[in-house]
N, C-alpha and C. Protein backbone atom coordinates (compact mmCIF):
# COMPACT_ATOMS: atom_id res chain seq x y z
N MET A 1 -27.52 -14.14 -10.59
CA MET A 1 -26.84 -13.69 -11.16
C MET A 1 -25.40 -13.46 -10.37
N GLN A 2 -26.10 -12.95 -8.93
CA GLN A 2 -24.54 -12.57 -8.16
C GLN A 2 -23.74 -13.63 -7.53
N GLN A 3 -24.73 -14.80 -7.50
CA GLN A 3 -23.72 -15.87 -7.11
C GLN A 3 -22.87 -17.08 -8.23
N GLU A 4 -23.59 -16.79 -9.10
CA GLU A 4 -22.93 -17.08 -10.44
C GLU A 4 -21.43 -16.52 -10.61
N ILE A 5 -21.53 -15.06 -10.31
CA ILE A 5 -20.35 -14.14 -10.36
C ILE A 5 -19.03 -14.64 -9.09
N GLY A 6 -19.92 -14.69 -8.03
CA GLY A 6 -19.15 -15.08 -6.65
C GLY A 6 -18.33 -16.82 -7.28
N MET A 7 -19.23 -17.53 -7.50
CA MET A 7 -18.70 -18.70 -7.80
C MET A 7 -17.63 -18.54 -9.05
N LYS A 8 -17.74 -17.99 -10.20
CA LYS A 8 -16.58 -18.25 -11.06
C LYS A 8 -15.56 -17.49 -10.77
N SER A 9 -15.86 -16.07 -9.76
CA SER A 9 -14.32 -15.66 -8.94
C SER A 9 -13.58 -16.37 -8.39
N LYS A 10 -14.62 -17.53 -7.28
CA LYS A 10 -13.73 -18.65 -6.47
C LYS A 10 -13.11 -19.43 -7.31
N SER A 11 -13.49 -20.27 -8.03
CA SER A 11 -13.07 -20.86 -9.07
C SER A 11 -11.90 -20.80 -9.64
N THR A 12 -11.94 -19.32 -10.31
CA THR A 12 -10.78 -18.55 -10.75
C THR A 12 -9.65 -18.55 -10.24
N LEU A 13 -9.98 -18.02 -8.78
CA LEU A 13 -8.91 -17.76 -7.73
C LEU A 13 -8.44 -19.35 -7.44
N LEU A 14 -8.91 -20.53 -7.05
CA LEU A 14 -8.54 -21.66 -7.19
C LEU A 14 -7.63 -22.35 -7.70
N LEU A 15 -8.11 -22.06 -9.47
CA LEU A 15 -7.23 -22.28 -10.41
C LEU A 15 -6.09 -21.64 -10.21
N LEU A 16 -5.92 -20.32 -10.09
CA LEU A 16 -4.73 -19.68 -10.32
C LEU A 16 -4.22 -20.10 -8.88
N VAL A 17 -4.16 -20.34 -7.89
CA VAL A 17 -3.61 -21.00 -6.83
C VAL A 17 -3.13 -22.26 -6.98
N PHE A 18 -3.70 -23.69 -7.53
CA PHE A 18 -3.47 -24.48 -8.06
C PHE A 18 -2.58 -24.46 -9.10
N VAL A 19 -2.25 -24.06 -9.93
CA VAL A 19 -1.15 -23.55 -11.37
C VAL A 19 -0.46 -22.89 -10.55
N LEU A 20 -0.13 -21.48 -9.86
CA LEU A 20 1.30 -21.11 -9.35
C LEU A 20 1.72 -22.30 -8.32
N SER A 21 0.76 -23.14 -7.31
CA SER A 21 1.70 -24.35 -6.67
C SER A 21 2.28 -25.61 -7.09
N PHE A 22 2.30 -25.46 -8.47
CA PHE A 22 3.20 -26.55 -9.23
C PHE A 22 4.57 -26.16 -10.09
N THR A 23 4.54 -25.01 -9.88
CA THR A 23 5.48 -24.24 -11.27
C THR A 23 7.17 -24.54 -10.55
N ASN A 24 7.97 -24.99 -11.97
CA ASN A 24 9.24 -25.61 -11.52
C ASN A 24 9.96 -24.22 -10.93
N SER A 25 11.27 -24.56 -10.65
CA SER A 25 12.08 -23.77 -10.12
C SER A 25 12.57 -22.83 -11.36
N ALA A 26 12.43 -21.51 -11.34
CA ALA A 26 13.14 -20.30 -12.17
C ALA A 26 15.00 -20.28 -11.74
N PHE A 27 15.47 -20.67 -11.65
CA PHE A 27 16.70 -20.77 -11.14
C PHE A 27 17.35 -18.97 -11.39
N ALA A 28 16.32 -17.74 -10.82
CA ALA A 28 16.51 -16.90 -10.78
C ALA A 28 17.74 -16.22 -10.24
N TYR A 29 18.40 -15.21 -10.86
CA TYR A 29 19.79 -14.85 -9.96
C TYR A 29 18.91 -13.01 -9.79
N LEU A 30 19.58 -12.59 -8.52
CA LEU A 30 19.36 -11.22 -8.14
C LEU A 30 20.53 -10.90 -7.96
N ASP A 31 20.98 -9.84 -8.76
CA ASP A 31 22.34 -9.22 -8.54
C ASP A 31 22.58 -7.95 -7.65
N PRO A 32 23.37 -7.58 -6.77
CA PRO A 32 23.06 -6.38 -5.68
C PRO A 32 22.49 -5.33 -6.10
N GLY A 33 22.55 -5.06 -7.76
CA GLY A 33 22.01 -4.08 -7.79
C GLY A 33 20.18 -4.04 -7.66
N SER A 34 19.89 -5.42 -7.83
CA SER A 34 18.50 -5.47 -7.78
C SER A 34 17.92 -5.45 -6.29
N GLY A 35 18.90 -5.86 -6.00
CA GLY A 35 18.43 -6.10 -4.21
C GLY A 35 18.33 -4.58 -3.59
N SER A 36 19.35 -3.67 -3.92
CA SER A 36 19.82 -2.53 -3.73
C SER A 36 18.33 -1.36 -4.02
N TYR A 37 17.75 -1.90 -5.20
CA TYR A 37 16.66 -1.12 -5.66
C TYR A 37 15.55 -1.22 -4.99
N ILE A 38 14.99 -2.66 -4.44
CA ILE A 38 14.13 -2.98 -3.84
C ILE A 38 14.33 -2.86 -2.03
N LEU A 39 15.42 -2.65 -1.68
CA LEU A 39 15.53 -1.53 -0.62
C LEU A 39 15.06 -0.13 -0.84
N GLN A 40 15.55 0.04 -2.00
CA GLN A 40 15.31 1.58 -1.86
C GLN A 40 13.91 1.76 -2.13
N MET A 41 13.49 1.19 -2.95
CA MET A 41 11.75 1.39 -2.76
C MET A 41 11.02 1.18 -1.59
N LEU A 42 11.50 0.28 -0.86
CA LEU A 42 10.82 0.00 0.53
C LEU A 42 11.13 1.57 1.57
N ILE A 43 12.33 1.21 1.48
CA ILE A 43 12.63 2.90 2.41
C ILE A 43 11.69 4.09 2.05
N ALA A 44 11.92 4.52 0.37
CA ALA A 44 11.11 5.36 0.12
C ALA A 44 9.78 5.01 0.29
N GLY A 45 9.00 4.17 0.45
CA GLY A 45 7.60 3.81 0.62
C GLY A 45 7.14 4.42 1.88
N ILE A 46 8.51 3.55 3.10
CA ILE A 46 8.10 3.59 4.23
C ILE A 46 7.88 5.40 4.73
N LEU A 47 9.03 5.67 3.87
CA LEU A 47 9.43 7.40 4.20
C LEU A 47 8.21 8.19 3.29
N GLY A 48 8.09 7.62 2.38
CA GLY A 48 6.65 8.77 1.96
C GLY A 48 5.79 8.67 2.63
N SER A 49 5.25 7.25 3.40
CA SER A 49 3.65 7.42 3.95
C SER A 49 3.99 7.56 5.27
N LEU A 50 5.24 8.06 6.01
CA LEU A 50 5.57 8.72 7.18
C LEU A 50 5.38 10.13 7.03
N TYR A 51 5.56 10.59 5.92
CA TYR A 51 5.32 12.09 5.37
C TYR A 51 3.87 12.60 5.44
N ALA A 52 3.37 11.44 4.59
CA ALA A 52 2.12 11.73 4.48
C ALA A 52 1.25 11.38 5.79
N ILE A 53 1.46 10.95 6.80
CA ILE A 53 0.76 11.19 8.24
C ILE A 53 0.98 11.84 8.67
N LYS A 54 2.91 12.98 8.79
CA LYS A 54 2.53 13.92 9.58
C LYS A 54 2.55 15.10 8.88
N LEU A 55 1.89 15.30 7.61
CA LEU A 55 1.35 16.32 6.83
C LEU A 55 -0.34 15.93 6.98
N TYR A 56 -1.18 15.33 7.19
CA TYR A 56 -2.21 15.24 7.61
C TYR A 56 -2.50 14.79 8.91
N TRP A 57 -1.42 14.82 9.79
CA TRP A 57 -1.66 14.43 11.38
C TRP A 57 -2.82 15.05 11.89
N ALA A 58 -2.95 16.21 11.70
CA ALA A 58 -3.66 16.84 12.38
C ALA A 58 -5.57 16.68 12.24
N LYS A 59 -5.56 16.67 10.92
CA LYS A 59 -6.92 16.03 10.03
C LYS A 59 -7.58 14.19 10.72
N ILE A 60 -6.21 13.62 10.65
CA ILE A 60 -6.37 12.14 11.15
C ILE A 60 -7.02 12.48 12.61
N VAL A 61 -6.18 12.93 13.10
CA VAL A 61 -6.85 13.61 14.51
C VAL A 61 -8.27 13.45 14.74
N ASN A 62 -8.50 14.76 13.98
CA ASN A 62 -9.68 15.30 14.33
C ASN A 62 -10.81 14.53 13.87
N PHE A 63 -10.49 13.34 12.75
CA PHE A 63 -11.17 12.42 12.24
C PHE A 63 -11.78 11.68 12.95
N PHE A 64 -10.63 11.54 14.24
CA PHE A 64 -11.40 10.00 14.92
C PHE A 64 -11.64 10.71 15.80
N LYS A 65 -11.79 12.02 16.24
CA LYS A 65 -11.80 12.63 17.54
C LYS A 65 -13.67 13.03 17.74
N GLY A 66 -13.54 13.26 15.63
CA GLY A 66 -15.24 13.05 15.57
C GLY A 66 -15.29 14.75 15.67
N ASN A 67 -14.21 15.87 15.65
CA ASN A 67 -14.33 16.93 15.15
C ASN A 67 -14.66 17.27 13.72
N SER A 68 -15.24 18.25 13.21
CA SER A 68 -15.44 18.68 11.88
C SER A 68 -14.89 20.10 11.76
N SER A 69 -13.60 20.17 12.39
CA SER A 69 -12.90 21.71 12.04
C SER A 69 -12.72 21.61 10.72
N THR A 70 -12.31 22.53 9.81
CA THR A 70 -12.11 22.50 8.22
C THR A 70 -10.45 23.50 8.63
N GLU A 71 -10.54 24.48 9.99
CA GLU A 71 -9.17 25.02 9.64
C GLU A 71 -8.06 24.79 10.72
N ASP A 72 -7.09 24.31 10.03
CA ASP A 72 -5.73 23.75 10.85
C ASP A 72 -4.80 24.50 10.66
N ASP A 73 -4.31 24.39 12.04
CA ASP A 73 -2.96 25.70 11.91
C ASP A 73 -1.89 24.96 11.41
N SER A 74 -1.91 23.69 12.04
CA SER A 74 -0.61 22.89 11.80
C SER A 74 -0.41 22.75 10.53
N LEU A 75 -1.19 22.51 9.40
CA LEU A 75 -1.57 22.54 7.88
C LEU A 75 -0.98 23.58 7.12
N GLU A 76 -1.39 24.75 7.55
CA GLU A 76 -0.73 25.89 7.21
C GLU A 76 0.77 26.25 7.58
N ASP A 77 1.27 25.83 8.37
CA ASP A 77 2.42 26.10 8.65
C ASP A 77 3.28 24.98 7.47
N SER A 78 2.96 24.08 7.32
CA SER A 78 3.72 23.19 6.79
C SER A 78 3.86 23.10 4.95
N ASP A 79 2.84 24.15 4.70
CA ASP A 79 2.25 24.22 3.05
C ASP A 79 2.87 25.42 2.50
N ASP A 80 4.25 25.97 3.58
CA ASP A 80 5.06 26.86 3.57
C ASP A 80 6.27 26.54 2.70
N GLU A 81 6.82 25.14 2.95
CA GLU A 81 7.77 24.76 2.74
C GLU A 81 7.75 24.35 0.90
């Protein structure tokens, strides 16, 4: 049963790649507003990720060091904002 599901998903993926590789040109137009929006979303995603890393940096470091301290002073300071 497990092999049958894997085989179906592989054949579906292969069919999807095959269909998408033979599409016609769309002749679509991206105006400057669309490009600006895409750039804005990209910058917002990067800055949001950097802020999340900054916010949880002590927990990330403790996770990789193997420390299991639940009390982080650096996180308590940033919660006041």
